[in-house]
Structures are given as C-alpha cells and as structure tokens.
Amino acid sequence: MTKLPHQLTENTKLLHKVAIIHQGEVLILKRASDSNSRPDKWDLAGGNSEWPSDERQGHGVHREDVTREIIEETGIEVSPDNFDFSALTYFDTFFDAKKQVFTIMCGWKYKLADDFDRNKVQISDEHSEVKWIDLTDVDEIDFGGIKGEFVKKIILASLKNN
C-alpha cells in the first residue's frame, strides 16, 4: 500500500488539533485561501499523523506528531511530554463515505506560561492570519460550518476549567 501524505493509510487518518491557551484566550489560525479543506476558515494548530518511522516505535508516538504540528504552524516550541492523555479534551471519529476515509479526531489543550510573548507566534504559509479569542468570541468565528464544528468543541472543552 502506498503511503499518502498526511494520513496513516489510504483509508485512515489520525487528526490532532491543539487549543493553545494564554491568559484565558485561545490561539486560532486562519487557513490559507488555497487550503484543500475549509479555505479561509479559522482553525487550531494541528494536523494529521503520519505513519511512524522505525525510530518512532512504541507507545506515545502521537506526542511527536502533535509537537511537530505546533512548531511548524506557530513557531511555538513545546515538548512532547505535554501531550499525555490528561491534556486530551476532545475525542471523536468521522467517516467520509464518499472518500471511504475513517478519521480519528483528538483535541488537545496546551497552556502557555503567563510571560509568553504573543509576538513570537510565527504562522506557516498554511495560514494567513492569527488571532487570540476567548469564550465570548467563539460563536462569532467562522470555523467552516458543520465541517469545522469540532474545532469549536475543542476550544470550548479546553477553556472549560482553564
């Protein structure tokens, strides 16, 4: 079976999204206009796991994928140790019958130190804008309708009991 980029197998994806929290607000990123999924809609840092290399055998390989996505998309340095299951705030599955792809979706929470400098966020070319929002803003943001509803759920779950 040929490995497809950005998914585990031809029919299976493991998607990670991270609510990066700073002083009660969550970092959101606007997807680029040429994005394959939800162009010009707001999102969280994250992406799909890729098939592990031999060096990444064993438990917890998801941690490296989550960390890689945060660093690539925001420039924020994080440790894989931050993504044990106590940081998991959302879990769901989705089946796209048309494409015959089963997706496992994981939402994570990561809290930045209070002295973090927000000006250090450096978005990748996968995104066009960055914004910090709080709970009062969530319903006003366009995450991509029904397809992006899970992003909103991750934010709400992550800010709850922050």
N, C-alpha and C. Protein backbone atom coordinates (compact mmCIF):
# COMPACT_ATOMS: atom_id res chain seq x y z
N MET A 1 0.84 -1.18 0.00
CA MET A 1 0.00 0.00 0.00
C MET A 1 0.89 1.25 0.00
N THR A 2 0.62 2.19 -0.85
CA THR A 2 1.38 3.42 -0.94
C THR A 2 0.95 4.37 0.16
N LYS A 3 1.94 4.92 0.86
CA LYS A 3 1.64 5.88 1.92
C LYS A 3 1.22 7.20 1.31
N LEU A 4 0.09 7.70 1.72
CA LEU A 4 -0.37 9.01 1.28
C LEU A 4 0.17 10.06 2.24
N PRO A 5 0.49 11.23 1.74
CA PRO A 5 0.96 12.27 2.66
C PRO A 5 -0.15 12.68 3.61
N HIS A 6 0.22 12.94 4.82
CA HIS A 6 -0.68 13.49 5.83
C HIS A 6 -1.81 12.57 6.25
N GLN A 7 -1.61 11.29 6.16
CA GLN A 7 -2.54 10.36 6.79
C GLN A 7 -1.84 9.02 6.99
N LEU A 8 -2.39 8.23 7.88
CA LEU A 8 -1.75 6.97 8.24
C LEU A 8 -1.80 5.95 7.12
N THR A 9 -2.98 5.73 6.58
CA THR A 9 -3.15 4.80 5.47
C THR A 9 -4.08 5.43 4.45
N GLU A 10 -4.34 4.72 3.40
CA GLU A 10 -5.24 5.22 2.36
C GLU A 10 -6.64 5.51 2.91
N ASN A 11 -7.03 4.78 3.95
CA ASN A 11 -8.39 4.91 4.47
C ASN A 11 -8.48 5.35 5.93
N THR A 12 -7.35 5.74 6.53
CA THR A 12 -7.35 6.09 7.95
C THR A 12 -6.53 7.34 8.22
N LYS A 13 -7.15 8.25 8.98
CA LYS A 13 -6.45 9.47 9.38
C LYS A 13 -6.56 9.63 10.90
N LEU A 14 -5.50 10.12 11.51
CA LEU A 14 -5.49 10.49 12.92
C LEU A 14 -5.20 11.98 12.96
N LEU A 15 -6.23 12.77 13.28
CA LEU A 15 -6.15 14.21 13.22
C LEU A 15 -6.00 14.78 14.63
N HIS A 16 -5.00 15.64 14.82
CA HIS A 16 -4.76 16.31 16.09
C HIS A 16 -4.99 17.81 15.91
N LYS A 17 -5.72 18.42 16.84
CA LYS A 17 -5.88 19.87 16.89
C LYS A 17 -5.59 20.30 18.33
N VAL A 18 -4.93 21.46 18.47
CA VAL A 18 -4.50 21.89 19.80
C VAL A 18 -5.02 23.29 20.11
N ALA A 19 -5.71 23.40 21.24
CA ALA A 19 -6.12 24.70 21.76
C ALA A 19 -4.94 25.22 22.59
N ILE A 20 -4.20 26.16 22.02
CA ILE A 20 -3.07 26.77 22.71
C ILE A 20 -3.63 27.96 23.50
N ILE A 21 -3.51 27.88 24.81
CA ILE A 21 -4.16 28.85 25.69
C ILE A 21 -3.12 29.77 26.34
N HIS A 22 -3.44 31.06 26.34
CA HIS A 22 -2.61 32.06 27.02
C HIS A 22 -3.53 33.06 27.70
N GLN A 23 -3.44 33.11 29.00
CA GLN A 23 -4.21 34.06 29.80
C GLN A 23 -5.70 34.04 29.45
N GLY A 24 -6.26 32.84 29.36
CA GLY A 24 -7.69 32.67 29.13
C GLY A 24 -8.15 32.81 27.70
N GLU A 25 -7.22 32.97 26.77
CA GLU A 25 -7.58 33.07 25.35
C GLU A 25 -6.91 31.95 24.57
N VAL A 26 -7.54 31.60 23.43
CA VAL A 26 -7.04 30.53 22.57
C VAL A 26 -6.53 31.11 21.27
N LEU A 27 -5.39 30.57 20.83
CA LEU A 27 -4.80 30.97 19.55
C LEU A 27 -5.53 30.27 18.42
N ILE A 28 -6.05 31.05 17.47
CA ILE A 28 -6.65 30.46 16.27
C ILE A 28 -5.91 30.98 15.05
N LEU A 29 -5.92 30.17 14.00
CA LEU A 29 -5.21 30.47 12.76
C LEU A 29 -6.19 30.42 11.60
N LYS A 30 -6.10 31.39 10.71
CA LYS A 30 -6.97 31.39 9.53
C LYS A 30 -6.31 30.58 8.43
N ARG A 31 -7.02 29.57 7.94
CA ARG A 31 -6.49 28.70 6.90
C ARG A 31 -6.28 29.49 5.61
N ALA A 32 -5.27 29.14 4.86
CA ALA A 32 -4.96 29.82 3.60
C ALA A 32 -6.11 29.64 2.61
N SER A 33 -6.21 30.57 1.67
CA SER A 33 -7.29 30.52 0.69
C SER A 33 -7.15 29.34 -0.27
N ASP A 34 -5.95 28.77 -0.39
CA ASP A 34 -5.76 27.62 -1.28
C ASP A 34 -5.77 26.28 -0.53
N SER A 35 -6.22 26.29 0.71
CA SER A 35 -6.29 25.08 1.51
C SER A 35 -7.30 24.10 0.92
N ASN A 36 -6.98 22.80 0.99
CA ASN A 36 -7.88 21.76 0.47
C ASN A 36 -9.15 21.63 1.30
N SER A 37 -9.05 21.91 2.57
CA SER A 37 -10.18 21.76 3.48
C SER A 37 -10.43 23.08 4.21
N ARG A 38 -11.63 23.54 4.18
CA ARG A 38 -12.07 24.75 4.87
C ARG A 38 -11.20 25.98 4.58
N PRO A 39 -10.98 26.33 3.30
CA PRO A 39 -10.16 27.51 2.99
C PRO A 39 -10.75 28.79 3.60
N ASP A 40 -9.87 29.66 4.05
CA ASP A 40 -10.24 30.96 4.64
C ASP A 40 -11.08 30.83 5.90
N LYS A 41 -11.08 29.68 6.53
CA LYS A 41 -11.82 29.49 7.78
C LYS A 41 -10.82 29.40 8.93
N TRP A 42 -11.30 29.70 10.12
CA TRP A 42 -10.44 29.68 11.30
C TRP A 42 -10.27 28.26 11.81
N ASP A 43 -9.11 28.00 12.43
CA ASP A 43 -8.74 26.65 12.84
C ASP A 43 -7.80 26.74 14.04
N LEU A 44 -7.48 25.59 14.58
CA LEU A 44 -6.46 25.46 15.61
C LEU A 44 -5.20 24.89 14.98
N ALA A 45 -4.09 25.06 15.65
CA ALA A 45 -2.86 24.42 15.19
C ALA A 45 -3.07 22.91 15.23
N GLY A 46 -2.50 22.22 14.27
CA GLY A 46 -2.61 20.77 14.26
C GLY A 46 -2.63 20.20 12.86
N GLY A 47 -2.79 18.90 12.81
CA GLY A 47 -2.81 18.22 11.52
C GLY A 47 -2.86 16.72 11.71
N ASN A 48 -2.63 16.02 10.63
CA ASN A 48 -2.72 14.57 10.63
C ASN A 48 -1.40 13.91 10.99
N SER A 49 -1.53 12.79 11.70
CA SER A 49 -0.36 11.97 11.98
C SER A 49 0.08 11.28 10.70
N GLU A 50 1.35 11.03 10.62
CA GLU A 50 1.90 10.27 9.50
C GLU A 50 2.38 8.93 10.02
N TRP A 51 2.52 7.98 9.12
CA TRP A 51 2.92 6.63 9.53
C TRP A 51 4.29 6.72 10.22
N PRO A 52 4.41 6.15 11.43
CA PRO A 52 5.67 6.25 12.18
C PRO A 52 6.82 5.55 11.48
N SER A 53 8.00 6.15 11.59
CA SER A 53 9.22 5.50 11.09
C SER A 53 9.64 4.46 12.11
N ASP A 54 10.60 3.64 11.75
CA ASP A 54 11.10 2.61 12.67
C ASP A 54 11.60 3.21 13.98
N GLU A 55 12.14 4.44 13.90
CA GLU A 55 12.69 5.09 15.09
C GLU A 55 11.59 5.49 16.07
N ARG A 56 10.35 5.53 15.63
CA ARG A 56 9.25 6.01 16.46
C ARG A 56 8.34 4.87 16.89
N GLN A 57 8.88 3.72 17.10
CA GLN A 57 8.06 2.59 17.52
C GLN A 57 7.68 2.76 18.99
N GLY A 58 6.62 2.08 19.38
CA GLY A 58 6.24 2.06 20.78
C GLY A 58 5.06 2.95 21.07
N HIS A 59 4.87 3.19 22.34
CA HIS A 59 3.72 3.97 22.80
C HIS A 59 3.99 5.47 22.70
N GLY A 60 2.93 6.22 22.55
CA GLY A 60 3.03 7.68 22.61
C GLY A 60 3.59 8.36 21.38
N VAL A 61 3.62 7.70 20.24
CA VAL A 61 4.17 8.34 19.04
C VAL A 61 3.32 9.53 18.60
N HIS A 62 2.05 9.57 19.04
CA HIS A 62 1.20 10.71 18.71
C HIS A 62 1.77 12.01 19.26
N ARG A 63 2.49 11.95 20.35
CA ARG A 63 3.03 13.15 21.00
C ARG A 63 3.97 13.92 20.07
N GLU A 64 4.78 13.18 19.34
CA GLU A 64 5.71 13.82 18.41
C GLU A 64 4.96 14.50 17.26
N ASP A 65 3.88 13.89 16.80
CA ASP A 65 3.08 14.50 15.73
C ASP A 65 2.44 15.80 16.19
N VAL A 66 1.88 15.79 17.41
CA VAL A 66 1.25 16.99 17.94
C VAL A 66 2.29 18.10 18.08
N THR A 67 3.42 17.77 18.65
CA THR A 67 4.50 18.74 18.84
C THR A 67 4.99 19.30 17.51
N ARG A 68 5.20 18.42 16.53
CA ARG A 68 5.67 18.84 15.21
C ARG A 68 4.71 19.84 14.58
N GLU A 69 3.42 19.55 14.66
CA GLU A 69 2.42 20.44 14.06
C GLU A 69 2.42 21.82 14.72
N ILE A 70 2.51 21.87 16.03
CA ILE A 70 2.53 23.16 16.73
C ILE A 70 3.74 23.97 16.30
N ILE A 71 4.90 23.35 16.29
CA ILE A 71 6.13 24.06 15.92
C ILE A 71 6.05 24.52 14.47
N GLU A 72 5.62 23.65 13.55
CA GLU A 72 5.53 24.01 12.13
C GLU A 72 4.56 25.16 11.89
N GLU A 73 3.41 25.14 12.57
CA GLU A 73 2.35 26.10 12.25
C GLU A 73 2.39 27.39 13.07
N THR A 74 3.10 27.38 14.22
CA THR A 74 3.10 28.58 15.07
C THR A 74 4.50 29.04 15.48
N GLY A 75 5.49 28.18 15.34
CA GLY A 75 6.83 28.51 15.81
C GLY A 75 6.98 28.38 17.32
N ILE A 76 5.94 27.94 18.01
CA ILE A 76 5.98 27.79 19.46
C ILE A 76 6.65 26.46 19.79
N GLU A 77 7.72 26.52 20.57
CA GLU A 77 8.44 25.31 20.98
C GLU A 77 7.71 24.64 22.14
N VAL A 78 7.38 23.38 21.97
CA VAL A 78 6.71 22.61 23.02
C VAL A 78 7.38 21.25 23.14
N SER A 79 7.18 20.61 24.26
CA SER A 79 7.73 19.29 24.50
C SER A 79 6.66 18.23 24.28
N PRO A 80 7.02 17.10 23.69
CA PRO A 80 6.05 16.02 23.52
C PRO A 80 5.46 15.54 24.86
N ASP A 81 6.21 15.74 25.95
CA ASP A 81 5.73 15.31 27.27
C ASP A 81 4.44 16.02 27.68
N ASN A 82 4.13 17.15 27.06
CA ASN A 82 2.92 17.89 27.39
C ASN A 82 1.65 17.23 26.87
N PHE A 83 1.79 16.20 26.05
CA PHE A 83 0.62 15.62 25.40
C PHE A 83 0.34 14.18 25.84
N ASP A 84 0.31 14.02 27.16
CA ASP A 84 -0.19 12.76 27.69
C ASP A 84 -1.72 12.86 27.69
N PHE A 85 -2.40 11.83 28.10
CA PHE A 85 -3.84 11.82 27.96
C PHE A 85 -4.57 12.77 28.91
N SER A 86 -3.86 13.35 29.89
CA SER A 86 -4.51 14.35 30.75
C SER A 86 -4.76 15.65 29.97
N ALA A 87 -4.06 15.84 28.85
CA ALA A 87 -4.24 17.04 28.01
C ALA A 87 -5.26 16.83 26.90
N LEU A 88 -5.80 15.63 26.80
CA LEU A 88 -6.81 15.33 25.77
C LEU A 88 -8.16 15.87 26.24
N THR A 89 -8.73 16.79 25.48
CA THR A 89 -10.00 17.39 25.87
C THR A 89 -11.15 17.00 24.95
N TYR A 90 -10.83 16.34 23.84
CA TYR A 90 -11.86 16.01 22.85
C TYR A 90 -11.42 14.77 22.10
N PHE A 91 -12.38 13.88 21.84
CA PHE A 91 -12.11 12.68 21.06
C PHE A 91 -13.38 12.33 20.30
N ASP A 92 -13.24 12.11 19.00
CA ASP A 92 -14.39 11.72 18.20
C ASP A 92 -13.89 11.01 16.94
N THR A 93 -14.81 10.47 16.20
CA THR A 93 -14.49 9.81 14.93
C THR A 93 -15.43 10.33 13.86
N PHE A 94 -14.98 10.21 12.63
CA PHE A 94 -15.78 10.66 11.49
C PHE A 94 -15.51 9.74 10.32
N PHE A 95 -16.57 9.38 9.60
CA PHE A 95 -16.40 8.54 8.41
C PHE A 95 -16.92 9.30 7.20
N ASP A 96 -16.06 9.48 6.22
CA ASP A 96 -16.42 10.12 4.95
C ASP A 96 -16.73 9.00 3.97
N ALA A 97 -18.02 8.73 3.77
CA ALA A 97 -18.44 7.61 2.92
C ALA A 97 -18.02 7.81 1.47
N LYS A 98 -18.05 9.05 1.03
CA LYS A 98 -17.69 9.35 -0.36
C LYS A 98 -16.22 9.00 -0.65
N LYS A 99 -15.34 9.38 0.27
CA LYS A 99 -13.90 9.12 0.10
C LYS A 99 -13.47 7.80 0.73
N GLN A 100 -14.37 7.18 1.51
CA GLN A 100 -14.05 5.95 2.22
C GLN A 100 -12.85 6.14 3.15
N VAL A 101 -12.89 7.23 3.93
CA VAL A 101 -11.82 7.54 4.87
C VAL A 101 -12.40 7.67 6.28
N PHE A 102 -11.79 6.95 7.21
CA PHE A 102 -12.16 6.98 8.62
C PHE A 102 -11.17 7.89 9.34
N THR A 103 -11.69 8.91 10.04
CA THR A 103 -10.84 9.85 10.74
C THR A 103 -11.07 9.77 12.24
N ILE A 104 -9.98 9.69 12.98
CA ILE A 104 -9.99 9.76 14.44
C ILE A 104 -9.52 11.16 14.78
N MET A 105 -10.33 11.90 15.55
CA MET A 105 -10.02 13.29 15.86
C MET A 105 -9.71 13.45 17.35
N CYS A 106 -8.55 14.04 17.63
CA CYS A 106 -8.14 14.29 19.01
C CYS A 106 -7.93 15.78 19.21
N GLY A 107 -8.54 16.32 20.26
CA GLY A 107 -8.36 17.71 20.62
C GLY A 107 -7.54 17.80 21.90
N TRP A 108 -6.53 18.63 21.87
CA TRP A 108 -5.59 18.76 22.98
C TRP A 108 -5.61 20.18 23.54
N LYS A 109 -5.19 20.31 24.78
CA LYS A 109 -5.07 21.61 25.43
C LYS A 109 -3.61 21.80 25.83
N TYR A 110 -3.09 22.99 25.52
CA TYR A 110 -1.73 23.33 25.94
C TYR A 110 -1.73 24.76 26.46
N LYS A 111 -1.33 24.93 27.70
CA LYS A 111 -1.35 26.25 28.33
C LYS A 111 0.06 26.84 28.33
N LEU A 112 0.17 28.03 27.75
CA LEU A 112 1.45 28.75 27.71
C LEU A 112 1.68 29.46 29.04
N ALA A 113 2.94 29.72 29.35
CA ALA A 113 3.29 30.46 30.56
C ALA A 113 2.73 31.88 30.46
N ASP A 114 2.40 32.46 31.61
CA ASP A 114 1.83 33.82 31.62
C ASP A 114 2.75 34.84 30.97
N ASP A 115 4.07 34.64 31.04
CA ASP A 115 5.00 35.62 30.47
C ASP A 115 5.32 35.36 28.99
N PHE A 116 4.57 34.45 28.35
CA PHE A 116 4.79 34.18 26.93
C PHE A 116 4.55 35.45 26.12
N ASP A 117 5.42 35.71 25.16
CA ASP A 117 5.30 36.87 24.27
C ASP A 117 4.52 36.46 23.02
N ARG A 118 3.29 36.95 22.91
CA ARG A 118 2.43 36.59 21.78
C ARG A 118 3.00 37.02 20.43
N ASN A 119 3.88 37.98 20.43
CA ASN A 119 4.51 38.42 19.18
C ASN A 119 5.47 37.38 18.61
N LYS A 120 5.78 36.35 19.38
CA LYS A 120 6.68 35.30 18.91
C LYS A 120 5.98 34.25 18.05
N VAL A 121 4.66 34.32 17.94
CA VAL A 121 3.92 33.36 17.11
C VAL A 121 4.25 33.65 15.65
N GLN A 122 4.75 32.63 14.96
CA GLN A 122 5.11 32.75 13.54
C GLN A 122 4.34 31.71 12.76
N ILE A 123 3.32 32.17 12.04
CA ILE A 123 2.48 31.21 11.33
C ILE A 123 3.15 30.74 10.03
N SER A 124 2.81 29.52 9.66
CA SER A 124 3.33 28.94 8.43
C SER A 124 2.53 29.46 7.25
N ASP A 125 2.95 29.09 6.04
CA ASP A 125 2.21 29.52 4.84
C ASP A 125 0.90 28.74 4.66
N GLU A 126 0.61 27.81 5.58
CA GLU A 126 -0.67 27.12 5.56
C GLU A 126 -1.79 28.03 6.08
N HIS A 127 -1.38 29.16 6.70
CA HIS A 127 -2.33 30.08 7.32
C HIS A 127 -2.04 31.51 6.89
N SER A 128 -3.06 32.36 7.01
CA SER A 128 -2.89 33.76 6.59
C SER A 128 -3.00 34.76 7.73
N GLU A 129 -3.61 34.36 8.83
CA GLU A 129 -3.80 35.28 9.96
C GLU A 129 -3.75 34.51 11.27
N VAL A 130 -3.53 35.25 12.34
CA VAL A 130 -3.55 34.70 13.69
C VAL A 130 -4.40 35.60 14.56
N LYS A 131 -5.09 35.00 15.53
CA LYS A 131 -5.96 35.78 16.41
C LYS A 131 -6.06 35.03 17.75
N TRP A 132 -6.22 35.79 18.83
CA TRP A 132 -6.48 35.22 20.15
C TRP A 132 -7.93 35.50 20.51
N ILE A 133 -8.67 34.47 20.92
CA ILE A 133 -10.09 34.65 21.25
C ILE A 133 -10.39 34.08 22.63
N ASP A 134 -11.50 34.56 23.22
CA ASP A 134 -11.96 33.97 24.48
C ASP A 134 -13.34 33.35 24.26
N LEU A 135 -13.93 32.86 25.32
CA LEU A 135 -15.21 32.17 25.21
C LEU A 135 -16.30 33.04 24.58
N THR A 136 -16.26 34.34 24.82
CA THR A 136 -17.31 35.21 24.27
C THR A 136 -17.21 35.37 22.76
N ASP A 137 -16.06 35.07 22.18
CA ASP A 137 -15.84 35.21 20.73
C ASP A 137 -16.20 33.96 19.92
N VAL A 138 -16.24 32.81 20.57
CA VAL A 138 -16.31 31.53 19.86
C VAL A 138 -17.48 31.45 18.88
N ASP A 139 -18.66 31.88 19.29
CA ASP A 139 -19.83 31.77 18.41
C ASP A 139 -19.79 32.72 17.22
N GLU A 140 -18.92 33.71 17.25
CA GLU A 140 -18.82 34.70 16.17
C GLU A 140 -17.79 34.32 15.11
N ILE A 141 -17.02 33.27 15.36
CA ILE A 141 -15.93 32.89 14.47
C ILE A 141 -16.41 31.84 13.47
N ASP A 142 -15.97 31.97 12.21
CA ASP A 142 -16.34 31.01 11.17
C ASP A 142 -15.26 29.92 11.09
N PHE A 143 -15.59 28.77 11.65
CA PHE A 143 -14.68 27.63 11.62
C PHE A 143 -14.95 26.71 10.43
N GLY A 144 -15.91 27.05 9.61
CA GLY A 144 -16.21 26.25 8.42
C GLY A 144 -17.49 25.46 8.54
N GLY A 145 -18.44 26.00 9.27
CA GLY A 145 -19.75 25.36 9.37
C GLY A 145 -19.69 23.99 10.02
N ILE A 146 -20.51 23.09 9.54
CA ILE A 146 -20.62 21.75 10.13
C ILE A 146 -19.29 21.00 10.09
N LYS A 147 -18.49 21.23 9.04
CA LYS A 147 -17.19 20.57 8.92
C LYS A 147 -16.19 21.05 9.97
N GLY A 148 -16.35 22.27 10.42
CA GLY A 148 -15.42 22.82 11.41
C GLY A 148 -15.98 22.87 12.82
N GLU A 149 -17.14 22.29 13.00
CA GLU A 149 -17.79 22.31 14.33
C GLU A 149 -16.90 21.68 15.40
N PHE A 150 -16.13 20.67 15.04
CA PHE A 150 -15.27 20.01 16.02
C PHE A 150 -14.21 20.96 16.59
N VAL A 151 -13.78 21.95 15.81
CA VAL A 151 -12.79 22.93 16.27
C VAL A 151 -13.40 23.74 17.42
N LYS A 152 -14.61 24.17 17.23
CA LYS A 152 -15.33 24.92 18.27
C LYS A 152 -15.46 24.07 19.54
N LYS A 153 -15.79 22.79 19.38
CA LYS A 153 -15.94 21.90 20.53
C LYS A 153 -14.63 21.74 21.29
N ILE A 154 -13.52 21.68 20.57
CA ILE A 154 -12.21 21.56 21.22
C ILE A 154 -11.92 22.82 22.03
N ILE A 155 -12.19 23.98 21.44
CA ILE A 155 -11.95 25.24 22.15
C ILE A 155 -12.79 25.32 23.41
N LEU A 156 -14.07 25.02 23.30
CA LEU A 156 -14.96 25.09 24.46
C LEU A 156 -14.53 24.12 25.56
N ALA A 157 -14.18 22.89 25.18
CA ALA A 157 -13.73 21.91 26.17
C ALA A 157 -12.41 22.31 26.82
N SER A 158 -11.54 22.94 26.05
CA SER A 158 -10.22 23.32 26.56
C SER A 158 -10.28 24.54 27.48
N LEU A 159 -11.19 25.47 27.20
CA LEU A 159 -11.31 26.66 28.03
C LEU A 159 -12.12 26.40 29.30
N LYS A 160 -12.93 25.36 29.24
CA LYS A 160 -13.70 24.99 30.41
C LYS A 160 -12.74 24.54 31.50
N ASN A 161 -12.88 25.05 32.68
CA ASN A 161 -11.98 24.72 33.81
C ASN A 161 -10.54 25.09 33.51
N ASN A 162 -10.32 26.15 32.76
CA ASN A 162 -8.96 26.56 32.40
C ASN A 162 -8.20 27.00 33.61
